[in-house]
Amino acid sequence: MQTKETMQDFVITMLKEQIPAAYTYHNYEHTLYVQGKARELGLHEHLGKRDMDLLNTAALWHDTGYIHTYKGHEEESCVMAKEYLPGYSYSEADIEIICGMIMATKVPQQPHSFLENIIADADLAYLGMIGAAEQSDKLFNELRSINPAFTKEEWNNQQIAFLKAHQFFTAFYRQKKEPVKQVYLAQIKKLMEAGK
């Protein structure tokens, strides 16, 4: 019988074996990180057992689409979730909620529910953490593997524009993560001014 525990193992193994090695940011470690952040936020928001389960499942499946495609991976993640989740006793209604959360991680993020707000924030939690630059470098290296002509200067300009436009959706992250994100934005601007 397929259980939630076997589903966790199945997805993480699939990501480890099938996500290209050049994807130094979007890999199984990122999935586990987002799951952890979603769980923390869910507990902070006092979610019930069912909502926590749906949130955890969405976080687990949200980047599985990278196995098949880079652009539009969220839609592909939903295709995969719809294929596999009935085997783990998820109803059609549950899967719709899960796919809504997966799509809420698509940039620019446009969540439409409380659960979608949580996963959107969990997916980009690193922006408001000490060590954001390290995660950013992993993403830059991943993007360089797809487009070797992509420069650090272009990346820093993209990051500045992205960070200026980005917003956290939960009150908790707006309070706790936004100030740290602003420090990170200032650091990138300083690097650009210094010509690095």
Protein backbone atom coordinates (compact mmCIF):
# COMPACT_ATOMS: atom_id res chain seq x y z
CA MET A 1 0.00 0.00 0.00
CA GLN A 2 1.20 3.47 -0.83
CA THR A 3 1.45 5.82 2.16
CA LYS A 4 2.45 9.45 2.67
CA GLU A 5 5.87 8.21 3.87
CA THR A 6 6.42 6.14 0.73
CA MET A 7 5.32 9.17 -1.33
CA GLN A 8 8.00 11.31 0.34
CA ASP A 9 10.67 8.70 -0.44
CA PHE A 10 9.38 8.23 -3.99
CA VAL A 11 9.49 11.94 -4.87
CA ILE A 12 12.87 12.65 -3.23
CA THR A 13 14.44 9.62 -4.95
CA MET A 14 12.92 10.70 -8.28
CA LEU A 15 14.35 14.23 -7.85
CA LYS A 16 17.79 12.88 -6.84
CA GLU A 17 17.93 10.55 -9.84
CA GLN A 18 16.25 12.62 -12.57
CA ILE A 19 16.88 16.33 -11.98
CA PRO A 20 19.99 17.30 -14.00
CA ALA A 21 23.14 17.62 -11.87
CA ALA A 22 23.67 21.13 -13.29
CA TYR A 23 20.54 22.28 -11.43
CA THR A 24 22.43 23.39 -8.34
CA TYR A 25 19.46 25.28 -6.88
CA HIS A 26 16.30 23.47 -8.00
CA ASN A 27 17.10 20.03 -6.63
CA TYR A 28 15.88 17.71 -3.88
CA GLU A 29 17.60 19.84 -1.21
CA HIS A 30 15.54 22.86 -2.25
CA THR A 31 12.38 20.73 -2.08
CA LEU A 32 13.21 19.60 1.47
CA TYR A 33 14.01 23.20 2.42
CA VAL A 34 10.67 24.47 1.08
CA GLN A 35 8.85 21.64 2.86
CA GLY A 36 10.55 22.63 6.12
CA LYS A 37 9.74 26.33 5.71
CA ALA A 38 6.13 25.54 4.74
CA ARG A 39 5.78 23.33 7.83
CA GLU A 40 7.23 26.05 10.08
CA LEU A 41 4.90 28.67 8.63
CA GLY A 42 1.93 26.30 8.78
CA LEU A 43 2.56 25.61 12.46
CA HIS A 44 2.98 29.32 13.15
CA GLU A 45 -0.39 29.94 11.45
CA HIS A 46 -2.03 27.07 13.43
CA LEU A 47 -3.13 25.14 10.34
CA GLY A 48 -5.26 22.07 10.89
CA LYS A 49 -4.07 18.54 10.09
CA ARG A 50 -5.65 18.39 6.59
CA ASP A 51 -4.31 21.80 5.51
CA MET A 52 -0.84 20.87 6.83
CA ASP A 53 -0.96 17.66 4.81
CA LEU A 54 -2.03 19.45 1.62
CA LEU A 55 0.64 22.12 2.13
CA ASN A 56 3.36 19.53 2.75
CA THR A 57 2.31 17.56 -0.34
CA ALA A 58 2.30 20.69 -2.53
CA ALA A 59 5.79 21.59 -1.28
CA LEU A 60 7.00 18.05 -2.03
CA TRP A 61 5.68 18.08 -5.62
CA HIS A 62 6.14 21.78 -6.50
CA ASP A 63 9.38 21.37 -8.51
CA THR A 64 8.99 17.83 -9.85
CA GLY A 65 8.28 19.33 -13.28
CA TYR A 66 11.98 20.24 -13.59
CA ILE A 67 12.51 16.59 -14.46
CA HIS A 68 10.84 17.26 -17.83
CA THR A 69 11.13 21.00 -18.49
CA TYR A 70 12.67 24.20 -17.14
CA LYS A 71 10.23 26.77 -18.52
CA GLY A 72 6.71 26.01 -17.37
CA HIS A 73 7.86 23.48 -14.80
CA GLU A 74 4.99 24.44 -12.46
CA GLU A 75 2.39 23.27 -14.98
CA GLU A 76 4.38 20.07 -15.49
CA SER A 77 4.54 19.57 -11.69
CA CYS A 78 0.72 19.73 -11.67
CA VAL A 79 0.52 17.17 -14.48
CA MET A 80 2.72 14.84 -12.43
CA ALA A 81 0.77 15.48 -9.21
CA LYS A 82 -2.49 14.68 -11.01
CA GLU A 83 -0.97 11.46 -12.32
CA TYR A 84 0.48 10.16 -9.05
CA LEU A 85 -1.55 11.62 -6.16
CA PRO A 86 -4.72 9.52 -6.66
CA GLY A 87 -2.49 6.52 -5.87
CA TYR A 88 -1.79 8.07 -2.47
CA SER A 89 -5.53 8.48 -1.70
CA TYR A 90 -5.83 12.17 -2.62
CA SER A 91 -9.24 13.21 -3.94
CA GLU A 92 -9.77 15.34 -7.03
CA ALA A 93 -10.66 18.30 -4.76
CA ASP A 94 -7.43 17.80 -2.75
CA ILE A 95 -5.37 17.69 -5.95
CA GLU A 96 -6.96 20.94 -7.20
CA ILE A 97 -5.92 22.67 -3.95
CA ILE A 98 -2.41 21.18 -4.22
CA CYS A 99 -2.07 22.33 -7.85
CA GLY A 100 -3.25 25.80 -6.84
CA MET A 101 -0.40 25.91 -4.35
CA ILE A 102 2.13 24.62 -6.89
CA MET A 103 1.05 27.33 -9.35
CA ALA A 104 1.36 29.96 -6.57
CA THR A 105 5.14 29.38 -6.63
CA LYS A 106 5.31 30.58 -10.26
CA VAL A 107 7.18 33.89 -10.57
CA PRO A 108 5.80 36.53 -10.46
CA GLN A 109 3.91 34.95 -7.58
CA GLN A 110 0.15 35.51 -7.48
CA PRO A 111 -1.29 33.42 -4.64
CA HIS A 112 -5.09 33.40 -4.26
CA SER A 113 -5.59 31.71 -0.88
CA PHE A 114 -4.08 31.53 2.57
CA LEU A 115 -2.36 28.20 1.82
CA GLU A 116 -1.02 29.62 -1.44
CA ASN A 117 0.39 32.61 0.47
CA ILE A 118 2.24 30.22 2.76
CA ILE A 119 3.84 28.12 0.02
CA ALA A 120 4.74 31.21 -2.03
CA ASP A 121 6.63 32.58 0.98
CA ALA A 122 8.21 29.22 1.82
CA ASP A 123 9.50 28.85 -1.75
CA LEU A 124 11.37 32.18 -1.59
CA ALA A 125 12.11 32.19 2.14
CA TYR A 126 15.86 32.31 1.44
CA LEU A 127 15.51 35.92 0.23
CA GLY A 128 14.95 36.95 3.83
CA MET A 129 17.61 34.77 5.41
CA ILE A 130 21.23 35.25 6.33
CA GLY A 131 23.07 33.32 3.61
CA ALA A 132 20.78 34.47 0.78
CA ALA A 133 23.86 35.22 -1.34
CA GLU A 134 24.97 31.57 -1.17
CA GLN A 135 21.57 30.36 -2.46
CA SER A 136 21.63 33.09 -5.08
CA ASP A 137 25.01 31.83 -6.34
CA LYS A 138 23.57 28.32 -6.70
CA LEU A 139 20.72 29.71 -8.79
CA PHE A 140 23.15 31.80 -10.89
CA ASN A 141 25.29 28.72 -11.60
CA GLU A 142 22.17 26.78 -12.58
CA LEU A 143 21.08 29.53 -14.98
CA ARG A 144 24.63 29.66 -16.41
CA SER A 145 24.41 25.93 -17.15
CA ILE A 146 21.41 26.72 -19.38
CA ASN A 147 22.82 29.94 -20.84
CA PRO A 148 26.67 30.07 -20.58
CA ALA A 149 26.69 33.68 -21.87
CA PHE A 150 24.72 34.87 -18.81
CA THR A 151 26.93 37.25 -16.82
CA LYS A 152 27.16 38.05 -13.12
CA GLU A 153 26.32 41.67 -13.91
CA GLU A 154 23.13 40.62 -15.73
CA TRP A 155 22.28 38.37 -12.79
CA ASN A 156 22.79 41.14 -10.23
CA ASN A 157 20.62 43.52 -12.28
CA GLN A 158 17.92 40.83 -12.48
CA GLN A 159 18.15 40.23 -8.74
CA ILE A 160 17.82 43.92 -7.91
CA ALA A 161 14.71 44.23 -10.10
CA PHE A 162 13.28 41.00 -8.66
CA LEU A 163 13.90 41.94 -5.02
CA LYS A 164 12.37 45.39 -5.53
CA ALA A 165 9.23 43.84 -7.03
CA HIS A 166 9.00 40.87 -4.64
CA GLN A 167 6.72 40.86 -1.63
CA PHE A 168 6.11 38.37 1.15
CA PHE A 169 2.44 37.46 1.57
CA THR A 170 2.20 36.28 5.19
CA ALA A 171 2.24 38.83 8.00
CA PHE A 172 4.87 36.73 9.80
CA TYR A 173 7.32 36.83 6.88
CA ARG A 174 6.64 40.50 6.21
CA GLN A 175 7.64 41.17 9.79
CA LYS A 176 10.55 38.71 10.12
CA LYS A 177 12.02 38.28 6.64
CA GLU A 178 11.39 41.56 4.83
CA PRO A 179 14.00 43.56 6.86
CA VAL A 180 16.66 40.90 6.15
CA LYS A 181 15.70 40.90 2.46
CA GLN A 182 16.20 44.67 2.33
CA VAL A 183 19.71 44.25 3.78
CA TYR A 184 20.45 41.67 1.07
CA LEU A 185 19.14 44.04 -1.63
CA ALA A 186 21.41 46.81 -0.31
CA GLN A 187 24.40 44.42 -0.43
CA ILE A 188 23.78 43.59 -4.10
CA LYS A 189 23.43 47.29 -4.97
CA LYS A 190 26.73 47.97 -3.20
CA LEU A 191 28.45 45.21 -5.20
CA MET A 192 27.11 46.69 -8.42
CA GLU A 193 28.32 50.15 -7.48
CA ALA A 194 31.75 48.71 -6.72
CA GLY A 195 31.72 47.08 -10.16
CA LYS A 196 31.79 43.47 -8.92
